[in-house]
Protein backbone atom coordinates (compact mmCIF):
# COMPACT_ATOMS: atom_id res chain seq x y z
CA MET A 1 0.00 0.00 0.00
CA GLY A 2 1.38 3.42 -1.01
CA PHE A 3 1.36 6.41 1.32
CA PHE A 4 -1.91 7.75 -0.11
CA GLY A 5 -3.46 4.40 0.77
CA LYS A 6 -2.03 4.60 4.30
CA LEU A 7 -3.27 8.18 4.62
CA ALA A 8 -6.75 7.30 3.37
CA GLU A 9 -6.85 4.30 5.71
CA GLY A 10 -5.43 6.37 8.57
CA LEU A 11 -8.11 9.03 8.11
CA LYS A 12 -10.87 6.42 7.95
CA LYS A 13 -12.25 7.23 11.41
CA THR A 14 -12.17 10.97 10.72
CA ARG A 15 -13.76 10.45 7.30
CA GLU A 16 -16.49 8.27 8.79
CA SER A 17 -17.34 10.86 11.45
CA MET A 18 -16.72 14.21 9.78
CA THR A 19 -17.28 13.57 6.06
CA ARG A 20 -20.21 11.25 6.61
CA ALA A 21 -21.86 13.83 8.87
CA VAL A 22 -21.37 16.50 6.18
CA ASP A 23 -22.77 14.15 3.50
CA GLU A 24 -25.83 13.28 5.59
CA LEU A 25 -26.47 16.96 6.20
CA LEU A 26 -26.16 17.90 2.52
CA ASN A 27 -28.39 14.99 1.48
CA SER A 28 -31.12 16.34 3.75
CA PHE A 29 -31.27 19.65 1.89
CA THR A 30 -32.78 20.19 -1.56
CA LYS A 31 -31.72 23.82 -1.70
CA ILE A 32 -29.00 26.02 -0.28
CA ASP A 33 -30.31 28.33 2.43
CA GLU A 34 -29.25 29.82 5.76
CA SER A 35 -30.37 26.71 7.66
CA LEU A 36 -27.84 24.66 5.70
CA PHE A 37 -25.00 27.00 6.64
CA GLU A 38 -26.02 27.00 10.32
CA GLU A 39 -26.18 23.20 10.49
CA LEU A 40 -22.97 22.82 8.51
CA GLU A 41 -21.12 25.13 10.89
CA GLU A 42 -22.35 23.07 13.85
CA THR A 43 -21.33 19.82 12.12
CA LEU A 44 -17.82 21.13 11.47
CA ILE A 45 -17.44 22.30 15.08
CA LEU A 46 -18.48 18.85 16.32
CA SER A 47 -15.84 17.38 13.98
CA ASP A 48 -13.07 19.17 15.94
CA VAL A 49 -12.45 21.75 13.22
CA GLY A 50 -13.02 24.45 15.85
CA ILE A 51 -15.45 27.37 16.02
CA VAL A 52 -13.21 29.98 14.35
CA THR A 53 -12.30 27.68 11.45
CA ALA A 54 -15.87 26.41 10.99
CA GLN A 55 -17.04 30.01 10.69
CA SER A 56 -14.25 30.78 8.20
CA ILE A 57 -15.15 27.78 6.03
CA CYS A 58 -18.83 28.73 5.98
CA ALA A 59 -18.06 32.38 5.21
CA GLU A 60 -15.88 31.39 2.27
CA LEU A 61 -18.50 28.86 1.18
CA ARG A 62 -21.15 31.60 1.04
CA THR A 63 -18.86 33.75 -1.10
CA ARG A 64 -18.06 30.99 -3.61
CA ILE A 65 -21.64 29.75 -3.87
CA LYS A 66 -22.86 33.27 -4.62
CA LYS A 67 -20.02 33.98 -7.05
CA ARG A 68 -20.51 30.74 -8.99
CA GLY A 69 -24.31 30.76 -8.84
CA ILE A 70 -24.52 27.31 -7.26
CA THR A 71 -27.99 26.17 -6.19
CA ASP A 72 -27.57 22.40 -5.74
CA ALA A 73 -26.64 21.36 -2.18
CA GLN A 74 -24.79 18.32 -3.57
CA GLU A 75 -22.14 20.63 -5.05
CA VAL A 76 -21.28 22.05 -1.63
CA ARG A 77 -19.16 19.04 -0.63
CA GLY A 78 -16.70 19.67 -3.47
CA LEU A 79 -16.47 23.32 -2.47
CA ILE A 80 -15.70 22.41 1.15
CA LYS A 81 -12.91 20.11 -0.01
CA GLU A 82 -11.56 22.88 -2.22
CA ILE A 83 -11.62 25.42 0.64
CA VAL A 84 -10.01 23.02 3.12
CA ALA A 85 -7.18 22.17 0.70
CA GLU A 86 -6.48 25.89 0.19
CA MET A 87 -6.58 26.57 3.95
CA LEU A 88 -4.02 23.84 4.59
CA GLU A 89 -1.66 24.89 1.81
CA GLY A 90 1.55 26.80 2.43
CA GLY A 91 4.64 26.64 4.59
CA GLN A 92 4.87 22.86 4.83
CA GLU A 93 8.43 22.67 3.48
CA LEU A 94 11.13 22.39 6.15
CA ASP A 95 13.77 25.11 5.97
CA LEU A 96 16.98 23.10 5.65
CA SER A 97 18.76 25.73 3.59
CA THR A 98 21.99 25.84 5.59
CA LYS A 99 24.58 23.28 6.61
CA PRO A 100 23.99 22.48 9.32
CA SER A 101 20.32 23.26 9.83
CA VAL A 102 18.83 22.83 13.30
CA ILE A 103 15.46 21.38 14.27
CA LEU A 104 14.19 21.76 17.84
CA VAL A 105 11.40 19.31 18.64
CA ILE A 106 9.04 20.25 21.48
CA GLY A 107 5.79 18.91 22.89
CA VAL A 108 4.21 17.54 26.06
CA ASN A 109 5.03 14.04 27.27
CA GLY A 110 2.99 11.26 25.69
CA VAL A 111 2.43 12.75 22.23
CA GLY A 112 5.02 10.51 20.56
CA LYS A 113 7.82 13.07 20.47
CA THR A 114 10.74 10.63 20.77
CA THR A 115 9.22 8.26 18.22
CA THR A 116 8.62 11.17 15.87
CA ILE A 117 12.26 12.29 16.08
CA GLY A 118 13.36 8.78 15.17
CA LYS A 119 11.02 8.65 12.20
CA LEU A 120 11.99 12.16 11.09
CA SER A 121 15.66 11.18 11.27
CA ALA A 122 15.02 8.15 9.09
CA ASN A 123 13.00 10.27 6.65
CA LEU A 124 15.76 12.86 6.27
CA LYS A 125 18.47 10.21 6.02
CA ALA A 126 16.50 8.51 3.24
CA ASP A 127 16.62 11.86 1.43
CA GLY A 128 20.43 11.69 1.56
CA ARG A 129 21.00 14.00 4.52
CA GLN A 130 23.46 13.32 7.32
CA VAL A 131 21.55 13.64 10.60
CA LEU A 132 22.82 14.06 14.16
CA LEU A 133 20.56 13.91 17.22
CA GLY A 134 20.96 15.86 20.46
CA ALA A 135 19.28 14.23 23.48
CA ALA A 136 18.35 17.47 25.28
CA ASP A 137 15.33 16.01 27.12
CA THR A 138 17.46 15.30 30.17
CA PHE A 139 14.65 15.47 32.75
CA ARG A 140 12.33 12.59 31.87
CA ALA A 141 13.51 9.21 33.10
CA ALA A 142 14.61 6.95 30.22
CA ALA A 143 14.10 9.69 27.59
CA ILE A 144 17.77 9.52 26.54
CA GLU A 145 17.73 5.72 26.28
CA GLN A 146 14.51 5.78 24.24
CA LEU A 147 15.98 8.30 21.84
CA GLN A 148 19.13 6.18 21.54
CA VAL A 149 16.99 3.20 20.47
CA TRP A 150 15.44 5.30 17.71
CA ALA A 151 18.82 6.73 16.70
CA ASP A 152 20.13 3.20 16.28
CA ARG A 153 17.02 2.15 14.37
CA ALA A 154 17.30 5.15 12.03
CA GLY A 155 21.05 4.65 11.66
CA VAL A 156 22.07 8.12 12.87
CA GLU A 157 24.51 9.34 15.54
CA MET A 158 23.46 10.93 18.81
CA ILE A 159 25.04 13.29 21.36
CA ARG A 160 24.00 12.59 24.94
CA HIS A 161 24.81 13.70 28.49
CA ASP A 162 23.76 12.15 31.79
CA GLU A 163 20.17 12.40 32.99
CA GLY A 164 19.59 15.73 34.74
CA SER A 165 22.24 17.59 32.73
CA ASP A 166 21.72 21.10 31.36
CA PRO A 167 19.72 20.74 28.10
CA ALA A 168 21.46 23.79 26.58
CA ALA A 169 24.83 22.11 27.17
CA VAL A 170 23.65 19.09 25.18
CA VAL A 171 22.55 21.35 22.33
CA TYR A 172 25.92 23.14 22.48
CA ASP A 173 27.81 19.85 22.15
CA ALA A 174 25.46 18.61 19.43
CA ILE A 175 26.10 21.73 17.34
CA LEU A 176 29.87 21.49 17.78
CA ALA A 177 29.80 17.78 16.89
CA GLY A 178 27.45 18.40 13.95
CA LYS A 179 29.74 21.07 12.49
CA ALA A 180 32.84 18.91 13.04
CA ARG A 181 31.24 15.83 11.44
CA GLY A 182 29.69 17.67 8.50
CA ALA A 183 26.08 16.98 9.52
CA ASP A 184 23.35 18.42 7.32
CA VAL A 185 20.70 18.45 10.04
CA ILE A 186 20.95 18.53 13.84
CA ILE A 187 17.72 17.46 15.55
CA CYS A 188 17.44 18.30 19.26
CA ASP A 189 14.90 16.72 21.58
CA THR A 190 13.62 18.97 24.40
CA ALA A 191 11.80 18.37 27.67
CA GLY A 192 8.07 17.76 27.32
CA ARG A 193 6.76 20.05 30.00
CA LEU A 194 3.92 22.56 29.88
CA HIS A 195 3.02 23.03 33.53
CA ASN A 196 5.10 26.18 33.84
CA LYS A 197 5.14 28.37 30.75
CA LYS A 198 7.86 30.64 32.13
CA ASN A 199 10.24 27.72 32.72
CA LEU A 200 9.52 26.41 29.25
CA MET A 201 10.16 29.80 27.67
CA ASP A 202 13.35 30.33 29.69
CA GLU A 203 14.72 26.93 28.75
CA LEU A 204 13.93 27.30 25.05
CA SER A 205 15.31 30.85 25.05
CA LYS A 206 18.56 29.56 26.54
CA ILE A 207 18.76 26.84 23.88
CA SER A 208 18.00 29.40 21.15
CA ARG A 209 20.81 31.65 22.38
CA VAL A 210 23.23 28.70 22.19
CA ILE A 211 22.16 28.02 18.60
CA GLN A 212 22.49 31.68 17.58
CA ARG A 213 25.92 31.91 19.18
CA GLU A 214 27.33 28.60 17.94
CA ALA A 215 25.59 28.39 14.56
CA PRO A 216 24.90 32.01 13.52
CA GLY A 217 22.73 32.33 10.43
CA CYS A 218 21.72 28.70 10.74
CA ALA A 219 18.26 27.71 9.44
CA THR A 220 16.27 26.74 12.53
CA GLU A 221 12.88 25.06 12.81
CA VAL A 222 10.95 24.75 16.08
CA LEU A 223 8.52 21.88 15.54
CA LEU A 224 5.70 21.10 17.94
CA VAL A 225 4.56 17.47 18.10
CA LEU A 226 0.82 17.06 18.77
CA ASP A 227 -1.32 13.98 19.31
CA ALA A 228 -4.30 14.14 16.92
CA THR A 229 -6.39 11.90 19.18
CA THR A 230 -6.68 14.74 21.71
CA GLY A 231 -8.71 16.90 19.31
CA GLN A 232 -9.31 20.42 20.61
CA ASN A 233 -6.78 19.86 23.39
CA ALA A 234 -4.13 19.62 20.66
CA LEU A 235 -5.25 23.02 19.37
CA ASN A 236 -5.01 24.46 22.90
CA GLN A 237 -1.50 23.01 23.32
CA ALA A 238 -0.46 24.54 20.01
CA ARG A 239 -1.83 27.91 21.10
CA GLN A 240 0.14 27.82 24.37
CA PHE A 241 3.38 26.62 22.81
CA LYS A 242 3.12 29.22 20.05
CA GLU A 243 2.88 31.89 22.74
CA ALA A 244 5.81 30.49 24.71
CA ALA A 245 8.16 29.22 22.05
CA GLY A 246 7.47 30.78 18.65
CA ILE A 247 6.93 27.47 16.84
CA THR A 248 7.55 27.33 13.09
CA GLY A 249 5.62 24.16 12.35
CA ILE A 250 3.50 21.27 13.59
CA ILE A 251 4.01 17.52 13.41
CA LEU A 252 0.69 15.75 13.96
CA THR A 253 0.91 12.14 15.15
CA LYS A 254 -1.59 9.28 15.57
CA LEU A 255 -3.91 10.39 12.77
CA ASP A 256 -4.56 6.71 12.12
CA GLY A 257 -6.16 6.22 15.55
CA THR A 258 -8.60 9.10 15.75
CA ALA A 259 -11.90 10.47 14.48
CA ARG A 260 -10.62 13.95 15.33
CA GLY A 261 -8.40 14.57 12.31
CA GLY A 262 -10.42 17.71 11.58
CA VAL A 263 -8.21 19.45 14.14
CA VAL A 264 -5.53 19.65 11.42
CA ILE A 265 -7.64 22.26 9.64
CA GLY A 266 -8.27 24.26 12.81
CA ILE A 267 -4.60 24.40 13.80
CA LYS A 268 -3.47 25.68 10.41
CA GLU A 269 -6.30 28.18 9.91
CA GLU A 270 -6.62 29.57 13.43
CA LEU A 271 -2.96 29.68 14.46
CA LYS A 272 -1.43 30.23 11.00
CA VAL A 273 1.22 27.62 11.82
CA PRO A 274 1.93 25.18 8.98
CA ILE A 275 1.61 21.42 9.30
CA LYS A 276 5.05 20.06 8.34
CA TYR A 277 4.63 16.30 8.87
CA ILE A 278 1.88 13.83 9.73
CA GLY A 279 2.08 10.35 11.22
CA VAL A 280 -0.35 7.63 10.13
CA GLY A 281 1.11 4.47 11.64
CA GLU A 282 3.73 2.81 13.83
CA GLN A 283 6.31 1.95 11.20
CA ILE A 284 9.48 4.01 10.80
CA ASP A 285 8.35 5.21 7.35
CA ASP A 286 4.84 6.19 8.48
CA LEU A 287 5.81 9.82 9.11
CA ARG A 288 5.65 11.83 5.89
CA PRO A 289 5.82 15.45 4.75
CA PHE A 290 2.37 17.02 4.80
CA ASP A 291 0.62 17.51 1.46
CA ALA A 292 -2.53 19.67 1.65
CA LYS A 293 -4.17 18.34 -1.52
CA GLU A 294 -3.38 14.74 -0.64
CA PHE A 295 -4.86 15.24 2.82
CA ALA A 296 -8.06 16.80 1.42
CA ASP A 297 -8.34 13.98 -1.13
CA ALA A 298 -7.94 11.34 1.58
CA LEU A 299 -10.47 13.09 3.81
CA PHE A 300 -13.16 13.95 1.24
CA GLY A 301 -12.42 11.41 -1.49
CA SER A 302 -10.70 11.64 -4.85
CA GLY A 303 -11.59 8.42 -6.61
CA GLN A 304 -8.24 6.86 -5.72
CA GLU A 305 -9.71 5.07 -2.71
CA GLU A 306 -11.59 2.66 -4.97
CA GLN A 307 -8.25 1.49 -6.37
CA LEU A 308 -6.68 0.78 -2.95
């Protein structure tokens, strides 16, 4: 099965809840009127798209229906897919324009952060890039060992200190080692804490200062890993981390285990933070760069599903 097949299969629960609900709603209307828009907005909110994004979709839908003179409710589904694909488009490419480039990976414990770093490392290595990991989550018990397992599995090197060490010192050593070894990308794990926003901001600021000092002009991504199964809670996490850490992109995991995949749309539209990667399975190659059109096709249908 190709990745589109995995994506379509992974989004099955979301498609069955969100898209089916939209279809049932549209099938109950013979004409397009205000009642349709009101019920559609409610359906989208219940599908974890979020209030702000549901309102945006419906507002744009009104504009396009009026502009194109559409009167058949059955044509609305295609318009929603079109709008969603456009909302999700833009900014999904990682900035790896310098050698080395640095990626900081942040997120609360339990979202699959360590696993994601391993998969991302394998993905970048498969693209021909030399990757070095920095185990800067020095606070969580066994975090360093877990990352080492994934480093070995991905076939990349890792810089580590003892548990409880200064995370910024790990990043410092990782940058020095990356430059000395000719690494293309240095990926640094960070502690998954959100209980104290000031501590989080202070720690990430300290790490950022180390990067700016030791790798000036270096392309740097700050990627937030979110668990799609948490729905609106994932959106709230993204909002808080954006405030505290200035994230440049989102990696959304566990899309294959949730009916709440609609949160992808809400995160991109409401926070204006691009989705960089999505995870749709447990295998090392099940993390892939995000493609807005592919996602919309898998969610709303494109005809390819019949061939899977």
